[in-house]
Amino acid sequence: MDTGIVSSFSPVSREGLGRFIETVVAVEFLRRKSYGLQKWEINYWKDHQQREVDFVIREGMKVHQLIQVTCASDIRTREVGCIN
């Protein structure tokens, strides 16, 4: 996937920037998985209260990393505050 093609036909708006960055991160994870981290499982998590984690990196049942991607300026309120 080439995100440059998308942005050349449709400039990224402020609202779409978060999704664009998530796509860039997802492409990078898939690239790394194809170059030697085949055991990685890349998932998304969301609970009944609509709290979410963009990327959950696992090997089997073991969670290695939780990754939240954002371009929000108020990260503490929007992203970290939801875990309390």
C-alpha atoms as a PDB file:
ATOM      1  CA  MET A   1       0.000   0.000   0.000  1.00  0.00           C
ATOM      2  CA  ASP A   2       1.265   3.437  -0.841  1.00  0.00           C
ATOM      3  CA  THR A   3      -0.241   6.266   1.175  1.00  0.00           C
ATOM      4  CA  GLY A   4       1.357   8.756  -1.217  1.00  0.00           C
ATOM      5  CA  ILE A   5      -1.074   7.712  -3.926  1.00  0.00           C
ATOM      6  CA  VAL A   6      -4.038   8.391  -1.666  1.00  0.00           C
ATOM      7  CA  SER A   7      -2.819  11.834  -0.645  1.00  0.00           C
ATOM      8  CA  SER A   8      -2.006  12.817  -4.221  1.00  0.00           C
ATOM      9  CA  PHE A   9      -5.627  12.280  -5.285  1.00  0.00           C
ATOM     10  CA  SER A  10      -7.275  13.439  -2.104  1.00  0.00           C
ATOM     11  CA  PRO A  11      -5.456  15.828   0.239  1.00  0.00           C
ATOM     12  CA  VAL A  12      -5.626  14.687   3.856  1.00  0.00           C
ATOM     13  CA  SER A  13      -7.931  16.877   5.928  1.00  0.00           C
ATOM     14  CA  ARG A  14      -7.416  17.508   9.626  1.00  0.00           C
ATOM     15  CA  GLU A  15     -10.269  15.088  10.371  1.00  0.00           C
ATOM     16  CA  GLY A  16      -8.754  12.360   8.199  1.00  0.00           C
ATOM     17  CA  LEU A  17      -5.221  12.765   9.518  1.00  0.00           C
ATOM     18  CA  GLY A  18      -5.748  10.267  12.360  1.00  0.00           C
ATOM     19  CA  ARG A  19      -6.901   7.540   9.994  1.00  0.00           C
ATOM     20  CA  PHE A  20      -4.060   8.343   7.615  1.00  0.00           C
ATOM     21  CA  ILE A  21      -1.482   7.980  10.410  1.00  0.00           C
ATOM     22  CA  GLU A  22      -3.110   4.729  11.594  1.00  0.00           C
ATOM     23  CA  THR A  23      -2.789   3.398   8.040  1.00  0.00           C
ATOM     24  CA  VAL A  24       0.900   4.313   7.920  1.00  0.00           C
ATOM     25  CA  VAL A  25       1.495   2.513  11.237  1.00  0.00           C
ATOM     26  CA  ALA A  26      -0.486  -0.550  10.089  1.00  0.00           C
ATOM     27  CA  VAL A  27       1.530  -0.765   6.867  1.00  0.00           C
ATOM     28  CA  GLU A  28       4.755  -0.604   8.881  1.00  0.00           C
ATOM     29  CA  PHE A  29       3.609  -3.398  11.208  1.00  0.00           C
ATOM     30  CA  LEU A  30       2.660  -5.579   8.242  1.00  0.00           C
ATOM     31  CA  ARG A  31       6.048  -4.865   6.657  1.00  0.00           C
ATOM     32  CA  ARG A  32       7.878  -5.877   9.845  1.00  0.00           C
ATOM     33  CA  LYS A  33       5.748  -9.003  10.146  1.00  0.00           C
ATOM     34  CA  SER A  34       6.669 -10.043   6.604  1.00  0.00           C
ATOM     35  CA  TYR A  35      10.389  -9.504   7.306  1.00  0.00           C
ATOM     36  CA  GLY A  36      10.839 -11.908  10.178  1.00  0.00           C
ATOM     37  CA  LEU A  37       8.173 -11.393  12.793  1.00  0.00           C
ATOM     38  CA  GLN A  38       5.776 -13.954  11.323  1.00  0.00           C
ATOM     39  CA  LYS A  39       4.546 -14.985  14.776  1.00  0.00           C
ATOM     40  CA  TRP A  40       3.113 -11.518  15.348  1.00  0.00           C
ATOM     41  CA  GLU A  41      -0.637 -11.201  15.383  1.00  0.00           C
ATOM     42  CA  ILE A  42      -1.832  -7.651  14.872  1.00  0.00           C
ATOM     43  CA  ASN A  43      -5.250  -6.955  16.345  1.00  0.00           C
ATOM     44  CA  TYR A  44      -7.588  -4.136  17.321  1.00  0.00           C
ATOM     45  CA  TRP A  45      -9.444  -3.960  20.640  1.00  0.00           C
ATOM     46  CA  LYS A  46     -12.646  -2.171  21.638  1.00  0.00           C
ATOM     47  CA  ASP A  47     -14.824  -2.656  24.714  1.00  0.00           C
ATOM     48  CA  HIS A  48     -18.529  -2.109  25.365  1.00  0.00           C
ATOM     49  CA  GLN A  49     -17.859   1.495  26.490  1.00  0.00           C
ATOM     50  CA  GLN A  50     -16.273   2.265  23.098  1.00  0.00           C
ATOM     51  CA  ARG A  51     -12.746   2.518  24.540  1.00  0.00           C
ATOM     52  CA  GLU A  52     -10.227   1.223  22.052  1.00  0.00           C
ATOM     53  CA  VAL A  53      -6.616   0.327  21.394  1.00  0.00           C
ATOM     54  CA  ASP A  54      -5.537   0.769  17.788  1.00  0.00           C
ATOM     55  CA  PHE A  55      -2.956  -2.028  17.693  1.00  0.00           C
ATOM     56  CA  VAL A  56      -2.525  -5.027  19.963  1.00  0.00           C
ATOM     57  CA  ILE A  57       0.635  -6.970  19.088  1.00  0.00           C
ATOM     58  CA  ARG A  58       0.493 -10.589  20.264  1.00  0.00           C
ATOM     59  CA  GLU A  59       2.278 -13.874  19.891  1.00  0.00           C
ATOM     60  CA  GLY A  60      -0.304 -16.497  20.711  1.00  0.00           C
ATOM     61  CA  MET A  61      -1.969 -15.417  23.953  1.00  0.00           C
ATOM     62  CA  LYS A  62       0.968 -13.222  25.069  1.00  0.00           C
ATOM     63  CA  VAL A  63       0.474  -9.492  24.493  1.00  0.00           C
ATOM     64  CA  HIS A  64       3.750  -7.764  23.602  1.00  0.00           C
ATOM     65  CA  GLN A  65       2.557  -4.205  23.008  1.00  0.00           C
ATOM     66  CA  LEU A  66      -0.495  -1.995  23.053  1.00  0.00           C
ATOM     67  CA  ILE A  67      -0.163   0.916  20.645  1.00  0.00           C
ATOM     68  CA  GLN A  68      -2.464   3.899  20.401  1.00  0.00           C
ATOM     69  CA  VAL A  69      -2.005   6.190  17.415  1.00  0.00           C
ATOM     70  CA  THR A  70      -3.255   9.769  17.635  1.00  0.00           C
ATOM     71  CA  CYS A  71      -2.677  13.246  16.297  1.00  0.00           C
ATOM     72  CA  ALA A  72      -4.742  14.806  19.095  1.00  0.00           C
ATOM     73  CA  SER A  73      -3.189  17.776  20.843  1.00  0.00           C
ATOM     74  CA  ASP A  74      -4.827  16.908  24.197  1.00  0.00           C
ATOM     75  CA  ILE A  75      -3.558  13.349  24.513  1.00  0.00           C
ATOM     76  CA  ARG A  76      -3.936  12.989  28.274  1.00  0.00           C
ATOM     77  CA  THR A  77      -7.669  13.755  28.268  1.00  0.00           C
ATOM     78  CA  ARG A  78      -8.549  11.901  25.093  1.00  0.00           C
ATOM     79  CA  GLU A  79      -6.263   8.872  25.138  1.00  0.00           C
ATOM     80  CA  VAL A  80      -4.919   8.285  28.642  1.00  0.00           C
ATOM     81  CA  GLY A  81      -7.916   9.544  30.610  1.00  0.00           C
ATOM     82  CA  CYS A  82     -10.105   6.716  29.331  1.00  0.00           C
ATOM     83  CA  ILE A  83      -8.133   4.043  31.235  1.00  0.00           C
ATOM     84  CA  ASN A  84      -8.976   5.408  34.699  1.00  0.00           C
END
